[in-house]
């Protein structure tokens, strides 16, 4: 595995090694021993989730607090543009984001650490299957969302008018998140 860091501390893009021939390719998608070498303090994953979305679907920006949840995201089918936003209140990069293309033909994992909001949009014509491992159980009472198109975040999504859920359409602004977080 090769790990690439970003200008925002915490997230990591993990490129797996592939072995190609005329039939296609083979890769080890995940190995615990390699994960522990990269993140020796991480306690491990407790759940694996999978979603399949039609072309042009955008999911996010989602996060979970109390406890904060980390995600290890990969695209199993098709192609997505994945976006993560730093929402750590004490961070020097609060409100900044990272945008990464994840393509099933180029296997990679994106580590979304606790303290980040996460979303993606499907850019492939056949739709996309996204799998992610999480290190905390889902909690409907401590989940949150931020508007995917919030002007303060300045995210340049590759699709201007994506299909979104009613829940994501009514997500609060980044400023609302900041105000609410100061109260908690």
N, C-alpha and C. Protein backbone atom coordinates (compact mmCIF):
# COMPACT_ATOMS: atom_id res chain seq x y z
N UNK A 1 0.84 -1.19 0.00
CA UNK A 1 0.00 0.00 0.00
C UNK A 1 0.88 1.24 0.00
N UNK A 2 0.41 2.26 -0.69
CA UNK A 2 1.07 3.55 -0.67
C UNK A 2 0.09 4.55 -0.06
N UNK A 3 0.58 5.37 0.86
CA UNK A 3 -0.26 6.35 1.54
C UNK A 3 0.12 7.76 1.13
N UNK A 4 -0.90 8.55 0.80
CA UNK A 4 -0.69 9.95 0.41
C UNK A 4 -1.43 10.84 1.40
N UNK A 5 -0.69 11.77 2.01
CA UNK A 5 -1.29 12.74 2.92
C UNK A 5 -1.72 13.97 2.13
N UNK A 6 -2.47 14.83 2.78
CA UNK A 6 -2.99 16.04 2.15
C UNK A 6 -2.55 17.27 2.94
N UNK A 7 -2.90 18.43 2.45
CA UNK A 7 -2.58 19.68 3.15
C UNK A 7 -3.38 19.81 4.44
N UNK A 8 -4.47 19.09 4.57
CA UNK A 8 -5.27 19.04 5.80
C UNK A 8 -4.82 17.80 6.58
N UNK A 9 -4.41 17.99 7.80
CA UNK A 9 -3.91 16.87 8.61
C UNK A 9 -5.03 15.88 8.94
N UNK A 10 -4.70 14.60 8.81
CA UNK A 10 -5.64 13.54 9.19
C UNK A 10 -6.04 12.62 8.05
N UNK A 11 -6.68 13.14 6.99
CA UNK A 11 -7.09 12.26 5.89
C UNK A 11 -5.89 11.68 5.16
N UNK A 12 -6.08 10.46 4.63
CA UNK A 12 -5.03 9.78 3.89
C UNK A 12 -5.68 9.01 2.73
N UNK A 13 -5.07 9.10 1.55
CA UNK A 13 -5.47 8.29 0.41
C UNK A 13 -4.53 7.09 0.36
N UNK A 14 -5.11 5.91 0.38
CA UNK A 14 -4.32 4.68 0.41
C UNK A 14 -4.51 3.95 -0.92
N UNK A 15 -3.45 3.90 -1.69
CA UNK A 15 -3.47 3.24 -3.00
C UNK A 15 -3.02 1.80 -2.82
N UNK A 16 -3.84 0.85 -3.25
CA UNK A 16 -3.46 -0.55 -3.15
C UNK A 16 -2.62 -0.96 -4.35
N UNK A 17 -1.87 -2.00 -4.19
CA UNK A 17 -1.02 -2.50 -5.27
C UNK A 17 -1.86 -3.45 -6.14
N UNK A 18 -1.80 -3.27 -7.45
CA UNK A 18 -2.55 -4.13 -8.36
C UNK A 18 -1.60 -4.94 -9.22
N UNK A 19 -2.07 -6.12 -9.59
CA UNK A 19 -1.34 -7.01 -10.48
C UNK A 19 -2.21 -7.23 -11.70
N UNK A 20 -1.77 -6.69 -12.85
CA UNK A 20 -2.58 -6.71 -14.06
C UNK A 20 -2.03 -7.70 -15.08
N UNK A 21 -2.95 -8.26 -15.87
CA UNK A 21 -2.59 -9.04 -17.05
C UNK A 21 -3.74 -8.90 -18.05
N UNK A 22 -3.75 -9.71 -19.08
CA UNK A 22 -4.75 -9.59 -20.15
C UNK A 22 -6.18 -9.83 -19.65
N UNK A 23 -6.33 -10.51 -18.53
CA UNK A 23 -7.67 -10.81 -18.00
C UNK A 23 -8.26 -9.69 -17.17
N UNK A 24 -7.41 -8.81 -16.65
CA UNK A 24 -7.86 -7.76 -15.74
C UNK A 24 -6.81 -7.53 -14.67
N UNK A 25 -7.25 -7.39 -13.41
CA UNK A 25 -6.27 -7.19 -12.34
C UNK A 25 -6.73 -7.84 -11.05
N UNK A 26 -5.78 -7.96 -10.14
CA UNK A 26 -6.02 -8.47 -8.79
C UNK A 26 -5.41 -7.48 -7.82
N UNK A 27 -6.08 -7.27 -6.69
CA UNK A 27 -5.52 -6.45 -5.63
C UNK A 27 -6.02 -6.94 -4.28
N UNK A 28 -5.21 -6.74 -3.27
CA UNK A 28 -5.67 -6.96 -1.90
C UNK A 28 -6.34 -5.66 -1.47
N UNK A 29 -7.64 -5.67 -1.27
CA UNK A 29 -8.38 -4.45 -0.96
C UNK A 29 -8.04 -3.93 0.45
N UNK A 30 -7.86 -4.83 1.40
CA UNK A 30 -7.61 -4.40 2.77
C UNK A 30 -6.86 -5.49 3.50
N UNK A 31 -5.80 -5.08 4.24
CA UNK A 31 -5.06 -6.00 5.10
C UNK A 31 -4.87 -5.34 6.45
N UNK A 32 -5.27 -6.02 7.49
CA UNK A 32 -5.19 -5.47 8.85
C UNK A 32 -3.75 -5.12 9.22
N UNK A 33 -2.79 -5.98 8.88
CA UNK A 33 -1.41 -5.71 9.27
C UNK A 33 -0.89 -4.43 8.62
N UNK A 34 -1.24 -4.19 7.36
CA UNK A 34 -0.80 -2.95 6.70
C UNK A 34 -1.53 -1.74 7.29
N UNK A 35 -2.81 -1.89 7.60
CA UNK A 35 -3.55 -0.80 8.23
C UNK A 35 -2.91 -0.42 9.57
N UNK A 36 -2.56 -1.41 10.36
CA UNK A 36 -1.96 -1.15 11.67
C UNK A 36 -0.58 -0.49 11.55
N UNK A 37 0.13 -0.77 10.46
CA UNK A 37 1.41 -0.09 10.24
C UNK A 37 1.18 1.39 9.97
N UNK A 38 0.14 1.71 9.20
CA UNK A 38 -0.16 3.11 8.89
C UNK A 38 -0.77 3.84 10.07
N UNK A 39 -1.64 3.16 10.81
CA UNK A 39 -2.39 3.78 11.91
C UNK A 39 -2.31 2.91 13.16
N UNK A 40 -1.14 2.87 13.81
CA UNK A 40 -0.98 1.96 14.95
C UNK A 40 -1.90 2.28 16.14
N UNK A 41 -2.36 3.52 16.26
CA UNK A 41 -3.22 3.89 17.38
C UNK A 41 -4.70 3.60 17.13
N UNK A 42 -5.06 3.32 15.88
CA UNK A 42 -6.47 3.09 15.54
C UNK A 42 -6.94 1.77 16.13
N UNK A 43 -8.10 1.77 16.73
CA UNK A 43 -8.59 0.58 17.43
C UNK A 43 -9.29 -0.42 16.52
N UNK A 44 -9.53 -0.07 15.27
CA UNK A 44 -10.13 -1.02 14.34
C UNK A 44 -11.54 -0.63 13.92
N UNK A 45 -12.06 -1.42 13.00
CA UNK A 45 -13.38 -1.16 12.44
C UNK A 45 -14.39 -2.13 13.02
N UNK A 46 -15.62 -1.67 13.15
CA UNK A 46 -16.65 -2.51 13.75
C UNK A 46 -17.79 -2.83 12.80
N UNK A 47 -17.83 -2.16 11.66
CA UNK A 47 -18.95 -2.36 10.74
C UNK A 47 -18.50 -2.01 9.33
N UNK A 48 -19.11 -2.68 8.35
CA UNK A 48 -18.84 -2.38 6.95
C UNK A 48 -20.17 -2.12 6.27
N UNK A 49 -20.25 -1.01 5.52
CA UNK A 49 -21.48 -0.61 4.86
C UNK A 49 -21.26 -0.54 3.35
N UNK A 50 -22.34 -0.69 2.60
CA UNK A 50 -22.28 -0.63 1.15
C UNK A 50 -23.49 0.13 0.65
N UNK A 51 -23.26 1.05 -0.28
CA UNK A 51 -24.38 1.73 -0.93
C UNK A 51 -24.17 1.69 -2.43
N UNK A 52 -25.24 1.62 -3.16
CA UNK A 52 -25.18 1.72 -4.61
C UNK A 52 -26.06 2.90 -4.98
N UNK A 53 -25.55 3.76 -5.87
CA UNK A 53 -26.27 4.97 -6.26
C UNK A 53 -26.29 5.11 -7.77
N UNK A 54 -27.36 5.69 -8.25
CA UNK A 54 -27.52 5.95 -9.69
C UNK A 54 -26.60 7.10 -10.11
N UNK A 55 -26.38 7.24 -11.43
CA UNK A 55 -25.57 8.36 -11.92
C UNK A 55 -26.15 9.70 -11.47
N UNK A 56 -25.28 10.62 -11.08
CA UNK A 56 -25.71 11.96 -10.69
C UNK A 56 -26.22 12.09 -9.27
N UNK A 57 -26.22 11.00 -8.49
CA UNK A 57 -26.66 11.06 -7.09
C UNK A 57 -25.55 11.63 -6.24
N UNK A 58 -25.91 12.52 -5.33
CA UNK A 58 -24.98 13.07 -4.35
C UNK A 58 -25.48 12.68 -2.96
N UNK A 59 -24.59 12.14 -2.15
CA UNK A 59 -24.91 11.78 -0.76
C UNK A 59 -23.99 12.58 0.15
N UNK A 60 -24.56 13.30 1.09
CA UNK A 60 -23.74 14.04 2.03
C UNK A 60 -24.10 15.51 2.07
N UNK A 61 -23.40 16.18 2.84
CA UNK A 61 -22.21 15.94 3.66
C UNK A 61 -22.64 15.46 5.05
N UNK A 62 -22.23 14.29 5.44
CA UNK A 62 -22.66 13.66 6.69
C UNK A 62 -21.50 13.54 7.68
N UNK A 63 -21.85 13.56 8.95
CA UNK A 63 -20.87 13.32 10.02
C UNK A 63 -21.60 12.74 11.22
N UNK A 64 -20.84 12.22 12.15
CA UNK A 64 -21.40 11.72 13.41
C UNK A 64 -20.54 12.20 14.56
N UNK A 65 -21.20 12.60 15.63
CA UNK A 65 -20.50 13.08 16.83
C UNK A 65 -20.97 12.29 18.04
N UNK A 66 -20.15 12.30 19.07
CA UNK A 66 -20.49 11.71 20.37
C UNK A 66 -20.97 10.26 20.27
N UNK A 67 -20.18 9.33 19.82
CA UNK A 67 -18.77 9.47 19.48
C UNK A 67 -18.58 9.85 18.00
N UNK A 68 -17.46 10.55 17.74
CA UNK A 68 -17.11 10.85 16.36
C UNK A 68 -16.81 9.54 15.64
N UNK A 69 -17.14 9.51 14.36
CA UNK A 69 -16.97 8.28 13.59
C UNK A 69 -15.96 8.49 12.47
N UNK A 70 -15.01 7.59 12.35
CA UNK A 70 -14.08 7.58 11.23
C UNK A 70 -14.56 6.59 10.18
N UNK A 71 -14.26 6.89 8.91
CA UNK A 71 -14.69 6.02 7.80
C UNK A 71 -13.51 5.75 6.88
N UNK A 72 -13.46 4.54 6.38
CA UNK A 72 -12.51 4.16 5.36
C UNK A 72 -13.34 3.83 4.12
N UNK A 73 -13.25 4.69 3.09
CA UNK A 73 -14.17 4.67 1.95
C UNK A 73 -13.47 4.18 0.69
N UNK A 74 -14.16 3.34 -0.10
CA UNK A 74 -13.65 2.91 -1.40
C UNK A 74 -14.81 2.76 -2.37
N UNK A 75 -14.51 2.88 -3.63
CA UNK A 75 -15.50 2.70 -4.69
C UNK A 75 -15.32 1.30 -5.28
N UNK A 76 -16.35 0.46 -5.15
CA UNK A 76 -16.27 -0.92 -5.62
C UNK A 76 -16.73 -1.08 -7.07
N UNK A 77 -17.59 -0.17 -7.52
CA UNK A 77 -18.13 -0.23 -8.87
C UNK A 77 -18.34 1.20 -9.36
N UNK A 78 -17.89 1.52 -10.56
CA UNK A 78 -18.08 2.85 -11.12
C UNK A 78 -17.07 3.86 -10.62
N UNK A 79 -17.51 5.11 -10.56
CA UNK A 79 -16.60 6.20 -10.20
C UNK A 79 -17.37 7.27 -9.42
N UNK A 80 -16.72 7.83 -8.41
CA UNK A 80 -17.30 8.91 -7.61
C UNK A 80 -16.26 10.00 -7.40
N UNK A 81 -16.75 11.18 -7.07
CA UNK A 81 -15.89 12.23 -6.54
C UNK A 81 -16.26 12.34 -5.07
N UNK A 82 -15.30 12.07 -4.22
CA UNK A 82 -15.49 12.04 -2.78
C UNK A 82 -14.98 13.36 -2.20
N UNK A 83 -15.74 13.93 -1.28
CA UNK A 83 -15.37 15.19 -0.65
C UNK A 83 -15.44 15.03 0.86
N UNK A 84 -14.39 15.50 1.54
CA UNK A 84 -14.43 15.53 3.00
C UNK A 84 -14.09 16.95 3.46
N UNK A 85 -14.82 17.40 4.49
CA UNK A 85 -14.69 18.76 5.01
C UNK A 85 -14.24 18.69 6.46
N UNK A 86 -13.21 19.45 6.79
CA UNK A 86 -12.71 19.53 8.16
C UNK A 86 -13.72 20.32 9.00
N UNK A 87 -14.33 19.65 9.98
CA UNK A 87 -15.29 20.33 10.86
C UNK A 87 -14.81 20.31 12.31
N UNK A 88 -13.51 20.10 12.50
CA UNK A 88 -12.93 20.11 13.85
C UNK A 88 -12.81 21.58 14.29
N UNK A 89 -13.49 21.92 15.35
CA UNK A 89 -13.58 23.33 15.78
C UNK A 89 -12.24 23.96 16.10
N UNK A 90 -11.29 23.21 16.60
CA UNK A 90 -9.99 23.76 16.97
C UNK A 90 -8.94 23.64 15.85
N UNK A 91 -9.36 23.18 14.69
CA UNK A 91 -8.42 22.93 13.60
C UNK A 91 -8.08 24.22 12.84
N UNK A 92 -6.82 24.32 12.43
CA UNK A 92 -6.39 25.45 11.61
C UNK A 92 -7.00 25.38 10.21
N UNK A 93 -7.48 24.20 9.82
CA UNK A 93 -8.06 24.03 8.49
C UNK A 93 -9.59 23.86 8.55
N UNK A 94 -10.22 24.32 9.62
CA UNK A 94 -11.67 24.26 9.78
C UNK A 94 -12.35 24.84 8.55
N UNK A 95 -13.28 24.08 7.98
CA UNK A 95 -14.04 24.54 6.82
C UNK A 95 -13.38 24.25 5.48
N UNK A 96 -12.13 23.80 5.49
CA UNK A 96 -11.47 23.46 4.24
C UNK A 96 -11.83 22.02 3.84
N UNK A 97 -11.69 21.73 2.56
CA UNK A 97 -12.08 20.40 2.09
C UNK A 97 -11.02 19.78 1.19
N UNK A 98 -11.17 18.48 1.02
CA UNK A 98 -10.35 17.68 0.12
C UNK A 98 -11.32 17.00 -0.84
N UNK A 99 -10.95 16.96 -2.10
CA UNK A 99 -11.77 16.31 -3.12
C UNK A 99 -10.90 15.27 -3.83
N UNK A 100 -11.40 14.03 -3.89
CA UNK A 100 -10.65 12.91 -4.47
C UNK A 100 -11.57 12.10 -5.37
N UNK A 101 -11.06 11.71 -6.54
CA UNK A 101 -11.82 10.78 -7.38
C UNK A 101 -11.48 9.37 -6.95
N UNK A 102 -12.51 8.58 -6.69
CA UNK A 102 -12.33 7.15 -6.39
C UNK A 102 -12.97 6.36 -7.52
N UNK A 103 -12.20 5.48 -8.14
CA UNK A 103 -12.63 4.74 -9.31
C UNK A 103 -12.38 3.25 -9.05
N UNK A 104 -13.38 2.44 -9.31
CA UNK A 104 -13.24 1.00 -9.04
C UNK A 104 -12.14 0.35 -9.87
N UNK A 105 -11.76 0.95 -10.98
CA UNK A 105 -10.69 0.39 -11.82
C UNK A 105 -9.30 0.77 -11.31
N UNK A 106 -9.24 1.63 -10.32
CA UNK A 106 -7.97 2.05 -9.72
C UNK A 106 -8.16 1.98 -8.20
N UNK A 107 -8.14 0.78 -7.63
CA UNK A 107 -8.53 0.60 -6.23
C UNK A 107 -7.74 1.47 -5.25
N UNK A 108 -8.48 2.19 -4.44
CA UNK A 108 -7.88 3.03 -3.39
C UNK A 108 -8.89 3.18 -2.26
N UNK A 109 -8.38 3.51 -1.10
CA UNK A 109 -9.20 3.80 0.07
C UNK A 109 -8.95 5.25 0.47
N UNK A 110 -9.97 5.92 0.93
CA UNK A 110 -9.83 7.26 1.50
C UNK A 110 -10.18 7.18 2.98
N UNK A 111 -9.21 7.51 3.83
CA UNK A 111 -9.44 7.55 5.28
C UNK A 111 -10.04 8.90 5.63
N UNK A 112 -11.27 8.85 6.15
CA UNK A 112 -11.99 10.04 6.60
C UNK A 112 -11.99 9.98 8.13
N UNK A 113 -11.06 10.70 8.77
CA UNK A 113 -10.96 10.57 10.22
C UNK A 113 -12.14 11.19 10.95
N UNK A 114 -12.32 10.85 12.22
CA UNK A 114 -13.33 11.53 13.02
C UNK A 114 -13.10 13.04 12.95
N UNK A 115 -14.20 13.80 12.93
CA UNK A 115 -14.08 15.25 12.86
C UNK A 115 -14.17 15.80 11.45
N UNK A 116 -14.60 14.98 10.52
CA UNK A 116 -14.78 15.40 9.14
C UNK A 116 -16.18 15.06 8.67
N UNK A 117 -16.76 15.95 7.86
CA UNK A 117 -18.02 15.64 7.16
C UNK A 117 -17.65 14.99 5.83
N UNK A 118 -18.48 14.08 5.37
CA UNK A 118 -18.18 13.29 4.18
C UNK A 118 -19.35 13.27 3.22
N UNK A 119 -19.04 13.35 1.93
CA UNK A 119 -20.05 13.20 0.89
C UNK A 119 -19.42 12.78 -0.41
N UNK A 120 -20.24 12.31 -1.33
CA UNK A 120 -19.73 11.95 -2.65
C UNK A 120 -20.83 12.12 -3.68
N UNK A 121 -20.38 12.28 -4.93
CA UNK A 121 -21.30 12.34 -6.06
C UNK A 121 -20.86 11.30 -7.08
N UNK A 122 -21.84 10.62 -7.69
CA UNK A 122 -21.57 9.59 -8.68
C UNK A 122 -21.34 10.25 -10.04
N UNK A 123 -20.19 9.95 -10.64
CA UNK A 123 -19.85 10.54 -11.94
C UNK A 123 -19.85 9.53 -13.07
N UNK A 124 -20.00 8.25 -12.77
CA UNK A 124 -19.98 7.23 -13.83
C UNK A 124 -21.40 6.97 -14.35
N UNK A 125 -21.49 6.67 -15.63
CA UNK A 125 -22.77 6.47 -16.31
C UNK A 125 -23.53 5.25 -15.80
N UNK A 126 -22.82 4.26 -15.25
CA UNK A 126 -23.48 3.04 -14.79
C UNK A 126 -23.87 3.11 -13.31
N UNK A 127 -23.62 4.21 -12.65
CA UNK A 127 -23.85 4.29 -11.21
C UNK A 127 -22.58 3.90 -10.47
N UNK A 128 -22.67 3.80 -9.16
CA UNK A 128 -21.49 3.47 -8.37
C UNK A 128 -21.85 2.74 -7.09
N UNK A 129 -21.00 1.79 -6.75
CA UNK A 129 -21.11 1.08 -5.48
C UNK A 129 -20.00 1.55 -4.57
N UNK A 130 -20.38 2.01 -3.38
CA UNK A 130 -19.40 2.54 -2.43
C UNK A 130 -19.45 1.71 -1.16
N UNK A 131 -18.26 1.28 -0.72
CA UNK A 131 -18.16 0.52 0.52
C UNK A 131 -17.33 1.33 1.50
N UNK A 132 -17.75 1.30 2.76
CA UNK A 132 -16.95 1.97 3.77
C UNK A 132 -17.01 1.22 5.09
N UNK A 133 -15.85 1.19 5.71
CA UNK A 133 -15.70 0.61 7.04
C UNK A 133 -15.80 1.75 8.04
N UNK A 134 -16.43 1.51 9.18
CA UNK A 134 -16.56 2.55 10.21
C UNK A 134 -16.01 2.03 11.53
N UNK A 135 -15.54 2.98 12.35
CA UNK A 135 -14.94 2.58 13.63
C UNK A 135 -15.84 2.85 14.84
N UNK A 136 -17.04 3.37 14.59
CA UNK A 136 -18.04 3.56 15.65
C UNK A 136 -19.40 3.17 15.08
N UNK A 137 -20.30 2.64 15.91
CA UNK A 137 -21.62 2.27 15.39
C UNK A 137 -22.42 3.51 14.98
N UNK A 138 -23.29 3.32 14.01
CA UNK A 138 -24.17 4.38 13.58
C UNK A 138 -25.09 4.77 14.73
N UNK A 139 -25.30 6.06 14.91
CA UNK A 139 -26.18 6.56 15.96
C UNK A 139 -27.10 7.62 15.37
N UNK A 140 -28.38 7.30 15.16
CA UNK A 140 -29.29 8.28 14.57
C UNK A 140 -29.48 9.54 15.42
N UNK A 141 -29.22 9.43 16.71
CA UNK A 141 -29.41 10.61 17.57
C UNK A 141 -28.21 11.55 17.56
N UNK A 142 -27.06 11.07 17.05
CA UNK A 142 -25.88 11.94 17.00
C UNK A 142 -25.30 12.05 15.59
N UNK A 143 -26.16 11.89 14.60
CA UNK A 143 -25.70 12.10 13.23
C UNK A 143 -25.99 13.55 12.85
N UNK A 144 -25.23 14.05 11.91
CA UNK A 144 -25.43 15.42 11.45
C UNK A 144 -25.16 15.53 9.97
N UNK A 145 -25.55 16.67 9.43
CA UNK A 145 -25.32 16.94 8.01
C UNK A 145 -25.10 18.43 7.83
N UNK A 146 -24.38 18.75 6.77
CA UNK A 146 -24.13 20.13 6.36
C UNK A 146 -24.52 20.21 4.89
N UNK A 147 -25.11 21.31 4.49
CA UNK A 147 -25.55 21.48 3.11
C UNK A 147 -24.41 21.23 2.12
N UNK A 148 -24.65 20.37 1.18
CA UNK A 148 -23.63 19.98 0.19
C UNK A 148 -23.16 21.17 -0.64
N UNK A 149 -24.04 22.13 -0.83
CA UNK A 149 -23.74 23.28 -1.69
C UNK A 149 -23.55 24.58 -0.91
N UNK A 150 -23.17 24.47 0.34
CA UNK A 150 -22.98 25.65 1.19
C UNK A 150 -21.93 26.58 0.56
N UNK A 151 -22.28 27.83 0.34
CA UNK A 151 -21.34 28.74 -0.32
C UNK A 151 -20.07 29.01 0.49
N UNK A 152 -20.13 28.91 1.82
CA UNK A 152 -18.94 29.13 2.65
C UNK A 152 -17.88 28.04 2.43
N UNK A 153 -18.31 26.85 2.03
CA UNK A 153 -17.37 25.73 1.84
C UNK A 153 -16.70 25.76 0.47
N UNK A 154 -17.31 26.42 -0.49
CA UNK A 154 -16.71 26.59 -1.83
C UNK A 154 -16.28 25.27 -2.48
N UNK A 155 -17.14 24.26 -2.39
CA UNK A 155 -16.85 22.97 -3.01
C UNK A 155 -17.27 23.04 -4.48
N UNK A 156 -16.34 22.73 -5.35
CA UNK A 156 -16.61 22.71 -6.78
C UNK A 156 -17.00 21.28 -7.18
N UNK A 157 -18.28 20.95 -6.99
CA UNK A 157 -18.76 19.63 -7.34
C UNK A 157 -18.77 19.48 -8.86
N UNK A 158 -18.50 18.29 -9.40
CA UNK A 158 -18.45 18.11 -10.85
C UNK A 158 -19.83 18.05 -11.52
N UNK A 159 -20.89 17.99 -10.72
CA UNK A 159 -22.26 17.96 -11.25
C UNK A 159 -23.02 19.12 -10.63
N UNK A 160 -23.60 19.97 -11.48
CA UNK A 160 -24.25 21.19 -11.00
C UNK A 160 -25.59 20.94 -10.31
N UNK A 161 -26.35 19.97 -10.78
CA UNK A 161 -27.69 19.73 -10.25
C UNK A 161 -27.87 18.25 -9.91
N UNK A 162 -27.21 17.79 -8.85
CA UNK A 162 -27.27 16.36 -8.52
C UNK A 162 -28.62 15.97 -7.94
N UNK A 163 -28.87 14.68 -7.95
CA UNK A 163 -30.06 14.13 -7.30
C UNK A 163 -29.70 13.91 -5.84
N UNK A 164 -30.48 14.48 -4.92
CA UNK A 164 -30.20 14.35 -3.48
C UNK A 164 -31.47 13.94 -2.74
N UNK A 165 -31.29 13.43 -1.56
CA UNK A 165 -32.42 13.01 -0.73
C UNK A 165 -33.08 14.24 -0.12
N UNK A 166 -34.35 14.13 0.27
CA UNK A 166 -35.01 15.25 0.97
C UNK A 166 -34.25 15.64 2.25
N UNK A 167 -33.70 14.65 2.93
CA UNK A 167 -32.95 14.91 4.16
C UNK A 167 -31.71 15.76 3.86
N UNK A 168 -30.96 15.41 2.80
CA UNK A 168 -29.78 16.18 2.45
C UNK A 168 -30.16 17.56 1.90
N UNK A 169 -31.32 17.64 1.24
CA UNK A 169 -31.78 18.94 0.70
C UNK A 169 -32.08 19.94 1.82
N UNK A 170 -32.43 19.43 2.99
CA UNK A 170 -32.76 20.33 4.11
C UNK A 170 -31.63 20.43 5.13
N UNK A 171 -30.44 19.95 4.78
CA UNK A 171 -29.31 20.01 5.71
C UNK A 171 -28.96 21.47 6.04
N UNK A 172 -28.59 21.74 7.28
CA UNK A 172 -28.26 23.12 7.67
C UNK A 172 -26.94 23.60 7.07
N UNK A 173 -26.73 24.87 7.16
CA UNK A 173 -25.52 25.51 6.63
C UNK A 173 -24.31 25.21 7.53
N UNK A 174 -23.15 25.49 7.00
CA UNK A 174 -21.92 25.35 7.78
C UNK A 174 -21.93 26.31 8.96
N UNK A 175 -22.43 27.52 8.76
CA UNK A 175 -22.52 28.49 9.86
C UNK A 175 -23.45 27.97 10.97
N UNK A 176 -24.53 27.30 10.59
CA UNK A 176 -25.43 26.70 11.59
C UNK A 176 -24.70 25.62 12.38
N UNK A 177 -23.90 24.83 11.68
CA UNK A 177 -23.10 23.80 12.35
C UNK A 177 -22.18 24.45 13.38
N UNK A 178 -21.49 25.54 12.98
CA UNK A 178 -20.57 26.19 13.90
C UNK A 178 -21.30 26.75 15.12
N UNK A 179 -22.44 27.38 14.91
CA UNK A 179 -23.22 27.93 16.03
C UNK A 179 -23.70 26.83 16.96
N UNK A 180 -24.22 25.75 16.39
CA UNK A 180 -24.72 24.64 17.19
C UNK A 180 -23.58 23.99 17.98
N UNK A 181 -22.42 23.86 17.37
CA UNK A 181 -21.28 23.20 18.02
C UNK A 181 -20.77 24.02 19.21
N UNK A 182 -20.89 25.33 19.14
CA UNK A 182 -20.47 26.17 20.28
C UNK A 182 -21.38 25.98 21.48
N UNK A 183 -22.64 25.62 21.23
CA UNK A 183 -23.60 25.41 22.30
C UNK A 183 -23.35 24.08 22.99
N UNK A 184 -23.01 23.05 22.17
CA UNK A 184 -22.79 21.70 22.72
C UNK A 184 -21.54 21.71 23.51
